[in-house]
């Protein structure tokens, strides 16, 4: 749920933010609205009758998050290249998404359920040096989404203002634009539709608090449960990789293959929560056309 609260905390005015949060709480939970903030305050406090995961992602034990640049010499860096910062049209980041085909990205349903297609995916946001530009993709269409499995899949196109490149004196025949070259270099995440195991080593990478990309590649980052249980209206398994608000929508990756075995969405005391990828794939297949589904890189699915 990090994405919703990130948005309200970052760029809404105090009165609008409070009203928006009340609407979210009422709509998602059926609970009566509660006082969220003191008059004139920009801080939304957690109501006593709300579960912890609504407001928090979890650092499980020691904080193992590190900047992705620290992993550049490892295989994990390449595994995380297709992971993107999700932004609104003002440029404010609030969630994490990932590229699953040339023109398709996935994130959490809850990240942008109220705003249709008004979002942008930015790849390679690894540093924030002045003047840097990164490949960006604008939403063309929301193809499918499901709250129970907390996913949304979007068709995208390259954003016209995504990257600044000098005009070459003479462009060689057949050469792609710098934007497409950079985006293609990032690759796609393969989605794992097979079995998973308790204790399976993982990595989780994303954009907590809309910061530059971070990763947990520690020995503590593992699958904790494999039998889906309903939590917050979502069919959930548990993992022990570190996340923070803004990590919503991150792929949970198998450490050996880099395949996405689950879709991260929330956290509680002592663990974080994700949707098994086989459930996400089954639902996507039901809700998109065969041509679109064939674009996905899938492994392990019978």
Protein backbone atom coordinates (compact mmCIF):
# COMPACT_ATOMS: atom_id res chain seq x y z
CA UNK A 1 0.00 0.00 0.00
CA UNK A 2 3.01 2.27 0.06
CA UNK A 3 2.16 3.97 -3.21
CA UNK A 4 -1.12 5.49 -2.05
CA UNK A 5 0.33 7.00 1.09
CA UNK A 6 3.48 8.20 -0.70
CA UNK A 7 1.33 10.19 -3.07
CA UNK A 8 -0.74 11.78 -0.32
CA UNK A 9 2.30 12.61 1.79
CA UNK A 10 4.31 14.13 -1.03
CA UNK A 11 2.27 16.36 -3.25
CA UNK A 12 -1.21 17.01 -1.96
CA UNK A 13 -2.01 20.04 0.18
CA UNK A 14 -2.88 19.31 3.80
CA UNK A 15 -6.66 19.58 3.43
CA UNK A 16 -6.80 17.69 0.14
CA UNK A 17 -4.40 15.06 1.44
CA UNK A 18 -6.51 14.39 4.52
CA UNK A 19 -9.76 14.19 2.54
CA UNK A 20 -8.13 11.90 -0.04
CA UNK A 21 -6.78 9.57 2.63
CA UNK A 22 -10.18 9.40 4.33
CA UNK A 23 -11.76 8.46 1.00
CA UNK A 24 -9.15 5.76 0.47
CA UNK A 25 -9.61 4.31 3.95
CA UNK A 26 -13.38 4.24 3.59
CA UNK A 27 -13.33 2.79 0.08
CA UNK A 28 -10.76 0.10 0.75
CA UNK A 29 -11.88 -1.04 4.17
CA UNK A 30 -15.53 -0.12 4.59
CA UNK A 31 -14.60 1.45 7.92
CA UNK A 32 -15.99 4.76 9.07
CA UNK A 33 -13.72 7.71 8.31
CA UNK A 34 -11.46 8.68 11.18
CA UNK A 35 -9.47 11.78 12.03
CA UNK A 36 -6.17 11.41 10.21
CA UNK A 37 -4.31 14.63 10.90
CA UNK A 38 -4.39 17.52 13.29
CA UNK A 39 -5.63 20.79 11.75
CA UNK A 40 -2.84 22.44 9.78
CA UNK A 41 -0.63 19.35 10.02
CA UNK A 42 0.94 17.64 7.02
CA UNK A 43 1.41 14.40 8.96
CA UNK A 44 -1.15 11.67 8.50
CA UNK A 45 -1.24 9.51 11.58
CA UNK A 46 -2.18 5.85 11.51
CA UNK A 47 -5.71 5.30 12.84
CA UNK A 48 -5.95 2.80 15.68
CA UNK A 49 -8.36 0.60 13.72
CA UNK A 50 -6.16 0.26 10.61
CA UNK A 51 -3.74 -2.62 10.02
CA UNK A 52 -0.06 -1.74 10.09
CA UNK A 53 0.56 -2.72 6.48
CA UNK A 54 -1.66 0.12 5.25
CA UNK A 55 0.89 2.71 6.28
CA UNK A 56 4.17 0.83 6.40
CA UNK A 57 6.56 -1.38 4.49
CA UNK A 58 9.01 -3.19 6.66
CA UNK A 59 12.68 -3.35 7.37
CA UNK A 60 12.97 -6.88 8.77
CA UNK A 61 15.68 -6.85 11.44
CA UNK A 62 18.82 -5.07 10.23
CA UNK A 63 18.37 -2.68 7.32
CA UNK A 64 19.93 -4.44 4.31
CA UNK A 65 18.88 -1.93 1.65
CA UNK A 66 21.79 -0.51 -0.37
CA UNK A 67 22.15 1.66 -3.42
CA UNK A 68 22.11 -0.33 -6.64
CA UNK A 69 25.50 1.14 -7.60
CA UNK A 70 27.01 -1.01 -4.84
CA UNK A 71 25.87 -4.08 -6.78
CA UNK A 72 27.15 -2.99 -10.20
CA UNK A 73 29.89 -5.61 -10.27
CA UNK A 74 27.44 -8.42 -9.42
CA UNK A 75 24.95 -10.38 -11.51
CA UNK A 76 22.17 -8.79 -9.49
CA UNK A 77 22.69 -5.45 -11.19
CA UNK A 78 21.65 -6.82 -14.59
CA UNK A 79 18.68 -8.61 -13.03
CA UNK A 80 17.34 -5.28 -11.79
CA UNK A 81 17.83 -3.20 -14.95
CA UNK A 82 14.16 -3.57 -16.05
CA UNK A 83 12.92 -2.15 -12.72
CA UNK A 84 11.50 1.37 -12.97
CA UNK A 85 10.38 4.28 -10.85
CA UNK A 86 6.64 4.92 -11.29
CA UNK A 87 5.81 8.63 -11.50
CA UNK A 88 2.76 10.79 -11.97
CA UNK A 89 2.55 13.35 -14.76
CA UNK A 90 4.12 16.06 -12.58
CA UNK A 91 7.28 13.94 -12.25
CA UNK A 92 6.64 12.84 -8.65
CA UNK A 93 7.69 9.25 -7.98
CA UNK A 94 5.53 7.09 -5.73
CA UNK A 95 5.86 3.37 -6.57
CA UNK A 96 8.00 0.77 -8.36
CA UNK A 97 7.24 -1.02 -11.62
CA UNK A 98 9.03 -3.35 -14.03
CA UNK A 99 9.25 -3.99 -17.73
CA UNK A 100 7.82 -7.34 -18.87
CA UNK A 101 7.84 -6.75 -22.65
CA UNK A 102 8.99 -4.06 -25.06
CA UNK A 103 5.78 -2.09 -24.54
CA UNK A 104 4.44 -3.53 -21.27
CA UNK A 105 5.05 -2.66 -17.60
CA UNK A 106 3.63 -4.11 -14.37
CA UNK A 107 3.11 -2.50 -10.95
CA UNK A 108 0.65 -2.86 -8.06
CA UNK A 109 -3.05 -2.27 -8.62
CA UNK A 110 -3.17 -0.09 -5.52
CA UNK A 111 -0.42 2.23 -6.78
CA UNK A 112 -2.60 3.97 -9.33
CA UNK A 113 -6.11 2.61 -9.00
CA UNK A 114 -7.64 6.08 -8.83
CA UNK A 115 -5.94 7.66 -11.84
CA UNK A 116 -6.26 5.38 -14.86
CA UNK A 117 -3.39 5.85 -17.28
CA UNK A 118 -1.82 9.06 -15.96
CA UNK A 119 1.58 7.62 -15.08
CA UNK A 120 5.12 7.24 -16.38
CA UNK A 121 7.72 4.48 -15.91
CA UNK A 122 11.34 5.65 -15.65
CA UNK A 123 14.15 3.14 -16.16
CA UNK A 124 17.75 3.46 -14.98
CA UNK A 125 17.02 5.90 -12.16
CA UNK A 126 20.16 4.83 -10.32
CA UNK A 127 21.76 8.19 -9.61
CA UNK A 128 20.34 11.70 -9.39
CA UNK A 129 23.17 13.74 -10.84
CA UNK A 130 22.30 17.15 -12.23
CA UNK A 131 21.19 17.07 -15.86
CA UNK A 132 20.74 13.31 -16.02
CA UNK A 133 17.97 11.95 -18.24
CA UNK A 134 16.63 8.39 -18.20
CA UNK A 135 14.40 6.38 -20.55
CA UNK A 136 10.77 7.06 -19.73
CA UNK A 137 7.59 5.39 -20.94
CA UNK A 138 4.12 6.93 -20.87
CA UNK A 139 1.01 4.86 -20.34
CA UNK A 140 -1.07 4.24 -23.45
CA UNK A 141 -3.65 1.92 -21.92
CA UNK A 142 -4.35 0.06 -18.69
CA UNK A 143 -4.79 -3.45 -20.07
CA UNK A 144 -5.75 -5.42 -16.95
CA UNK A 145 -5.80 -5.03 -13.19
CA UNK A 146 -7.01 -6.97 -10.17
CA UNK A 147 -7.10 -5.88 -6.53
CA UNK A 148 -7.14 -9.47 -5.20
CA UNK A 149 -3.77 -10.11 -6.86
CA UNK A 150 -2.76 -6.43 -6.58
CA UNK A 151 -1.37 -6.08 -10.09
CA UNK A 152 -1.91 -3.75 -13.01
CA UNK A 153 -0.37 -4.21 -16.46
CA UNK A 154 0.04 -1.25 -18.78
CA UNK A 155 0.77 -0.77 -22.46
CA UNK A 156 3.30 2.05 -22.90
CA UNK A 157 5.14 4.12 -25.47
CA UNK A 158 8.44 6.01 -25.18
CA UNK A 159 7.91 9.45 -23.68
CA UNK A 160 8.98 12.19 -26.04
CA UNK A 161 10.85 14.11 -23.34
CA UNK A 162 12.49 11.07 -21.78
CA UNK A 163 16.08 11.64 -22.82
CA UNK A 164 18.16 14.45 -24.24
CA UNK A 165 20.48 13.38 -27.06
CA UNK A 166 22.58 15.46 -29.46
CA UNK A 167 21.65 15.31 -33.13
CA UNK A 168 24.26 13.30 -35.06
CA UNK A 169 25.65 14.85 -38.22
CA UNK A 170 24.59 11.75 -40.10
CA UNK A 171 22.62 8.93 -38.53
CA UNK A 172 23.79 5.49 -39.68
CA UNK A 173 21.08 3.50 -41.44
CA UNK A 174 19.14 1.24 -39.09
CA UNK A 175 20.48 2.76 -35.89
CA UNK A 176 17.87 2.97 -33.13
CA UNK A 177 17.37 6.15 -31.15
CA UNK A 178 19.46 6.54 -28.00
CA UNK A 179 16.25 6.17 -26.01
CA UNK A 180 15.40 2.80 -27.52
CA UNK A 181 18.99 1.58 -27.28
CA UNK A 182 19.11 2.43 -23.59
CA UNK A 183 15.70 0.91 -22.91
CA UNK A 184 16.52 -2.26 -24.86
CA UNK A 185 19.75 -2.61 -22.90
CA UNK A 186 17.64 -2.78 -19.74
CA UNK A 187 15.90 -5.95 -20.91
CA UNK A 188 12.74 -7.42 -19.38
CA UNK A 189 11.93 -9.44 -16.26
CA UNK A 190 10.97 -13.08 -16.85
CA UNK A 191 7.91 -14.11 -14.84
CA UNK A 192 8.13 -17.45 -13.03
CA UNK A 193 4.95 -19.51 -13.10
CA UNK A 194 6.27 -22.63 -11.37
CA UNK A 195 6.80 -23.89 -7.84
CA UNK A 196 8.56 -21.90 -5.13
CA UNK A 197 10.04 -23.03 -1.81
CA UNK A 198 10.24 -21.79 1.76
CA UNK A 199 13.73 -20.43 2.35
CA UNK A 200 14.31 -19.78 -1.36
CA UNK A 201 16.96 -17.01 -1.64
CA UNK A 202 15.69 -13.79 -3.19
CA UNK A 203 16.62 -10.27 -4.12
CA UNK A 204 14.21 -7.33 -4.03
CA UNK A 205 15.00 -4.06 -5.74
CA UNK A 206 12.90 -0.95 -6.12
CA UNK A 207 12.53 2.75 -5.42
CA UNK A 208 11.70 3.16 -1.71
CA UNK A 209 10.45 6.67 -0.97
CA UNK A 210 11.00 7.43 -4.71
CA UNK A 211 14.75 7.34 -4.12
CA UNK A 212 17.25 6.11 -6.66
CA UNK A 213 17.14 2.34 -7.09
CA UNK A 214 18.04 0.23 -4.04
CA UNK A 215 18.40 -3.50 -3.46
CA UNK A 216 18.29 -6.09 -0.71
CA UNK A 217 20.61 -8.93 -1.72
CA UNK A 218 21.35 -10.06 1.83
CA UNK A 219 21.23 -13.63 3.14
CA UNK A 220 18.13 -12.62 5.10
CA UNK A 221 16.12 -11.98 1.90
CA UNK A 222 14.11 -15.20 1.48
CA UNK A 223 10.65 -16.64 0.90
CA UNK A 224 8.96 -17.12 4.26
CA UNK A 225 5.71 -18.88 3.26
CA UNK A 226 4.38 -20.42 0.03
CA UNK A 227 0.71 -21.12 0.77
CA UNK A 228 -1.30 -18.02 -0.22
CA UNK A 229 -3.41 -16.57 2.60
CA UNK A 230 -5.85 -13.70 2.35
CA UNK A 231 -4.44 -10.56 3.92
CA UNK A 232 -5.91 -7.14 3.24
CA UNK A 233 -8.14 -8.72 0.59
CA UNK A 234 -5.11 -10.03 -1.30
CA UNK A 235 -3.84 -13.56 -1.83
CA UNK A 236 -0.49 -13.26 -0.12
CA UNK A 237 2.72 -15.09 0.66
CA UNK A 238 5.41 -13.71 2.95
CA UNK A 239 9.05 -12.78 2.39
CA UNK A 240 11.77 -11.31 4.61
CA UNK A 241 13.43 -8.89 2.18
CA UNK A 242 13.67 -5.25 3.27
CA UNK A 243 11.37 -2.67 1.69
CA UNK A 244 10.08 0.81 2.46
CA UNK A 245 7.21 2.97 1.28
CA UNK A 246 7.55 3.31 -2.51
CA UNK A 247 8.72 -0.30 -2.88
CA UNK A 248 5.13 -1.26 -3.72
CA UNK A 249 5.07 -2.98 -7.11
CA UNK A 250 8.63 -4.34 -6.89
CA UNK A 251 9.26 -7.77 -8.39
CA UNK A 252 10.43 -10.39 -5.89
CA UNK A 253 13.28 -12.05 -7.79
CA UNK A 254 14.81 -15.49 -7.44
CA UNK A 255 18.44 -14.90 -6.58
CA UNK A 256 19.83 -17.52 -8.95
CA UNK A 257 17.79 -16.87 -12.10
CA UNK A 258 16.48 -13.33 -11.69
CA UNK A 259 12.96 -14.57 -12.47
CA UNK A 260 10.08 -12.77 -10.75
CA UNK A 261 8.50 -15.30 -8.38
CA UNK A 262 6.12 -12.82 -6.71
CA UNK A 263 4.88 -9.22 -6.74
CA UNK A 264 5.61 -7.24 -3.56
CA UNK A 265 2.76 -5.16 -2.15
CA UNK A 266 2.88 -4.63 1.62
CA UNK A 267 4.39 -5.33 5.02
CA UNK A 268 3.71 -6.30 8.63
CA UNK A 269 5.81 -6.87 11.75
CA UNK A 270 8.61 -9.28 10.93
CA UNK A 271 7.80 -9.89 7.26
CA UNK A 272 6.72 -8.36 3.97
CA UNK A 273 3.95 -9.51 1.66
CA UNK A 274 3.74 -10.45 -2.02
CA UNK A 275 1.41 -12.08 -4.53
CA UNK A 276 2.72 -15.38 -6.03
CA UNK A 277 3.53 -14.82 -9.70
CA UNK A 278 1.61 -17.90 -10.87
CA UNK A 279 -1.62 -16.27 -9.58
CA UNK A 280 -0.78 -13.00 -11.32
CA UNK A 281 -0.02 -14.80 -14.60
CA UNK A 282 -3.24 -16.83 -14.48
CA UNK A 283 -5.26 -13.65 -14.06
CA UNK A 284 -3.39 -11.69 -16.73
CA UNK A 285 -4.01 -14.51 -19.21
CA UNK A 286 -7.75 -14.29 -18.54
CA UNK A 287 -7.86 -10.54 -19.04
CA UNK A 288 -5.62 -9.70 -22.00
CA UNK A 289 -5.70 -10.94 -25.59
CA UNK A 290 -3.53 -13.85 -26.69
CA UNK A 291 -1.17 -11.62 -28.67
CA UNK A 292 -0.43 -9.47 -25.63
CA UNK A 293 0.06 -12.47 -23.34
CA UNK A 294 2.47 -14.02 -25.86
CA UNK A 295 4.76 -10.96 -25.47
CA UNK A 296 5.52 -11.86 -21.85
CA UNK A 297 8.72 -13.71 -20.97
CA UNK A 298 7.48 -16.66 -18.86
CA UNK A 299 9.30 -19.63 -17.36
CA UNK A 300 8.28 -22.65 -15.29
CA UNK A 301 4.59 -22.48 -16.18
CA UNK A 302 2.80 -25.67 -17.22
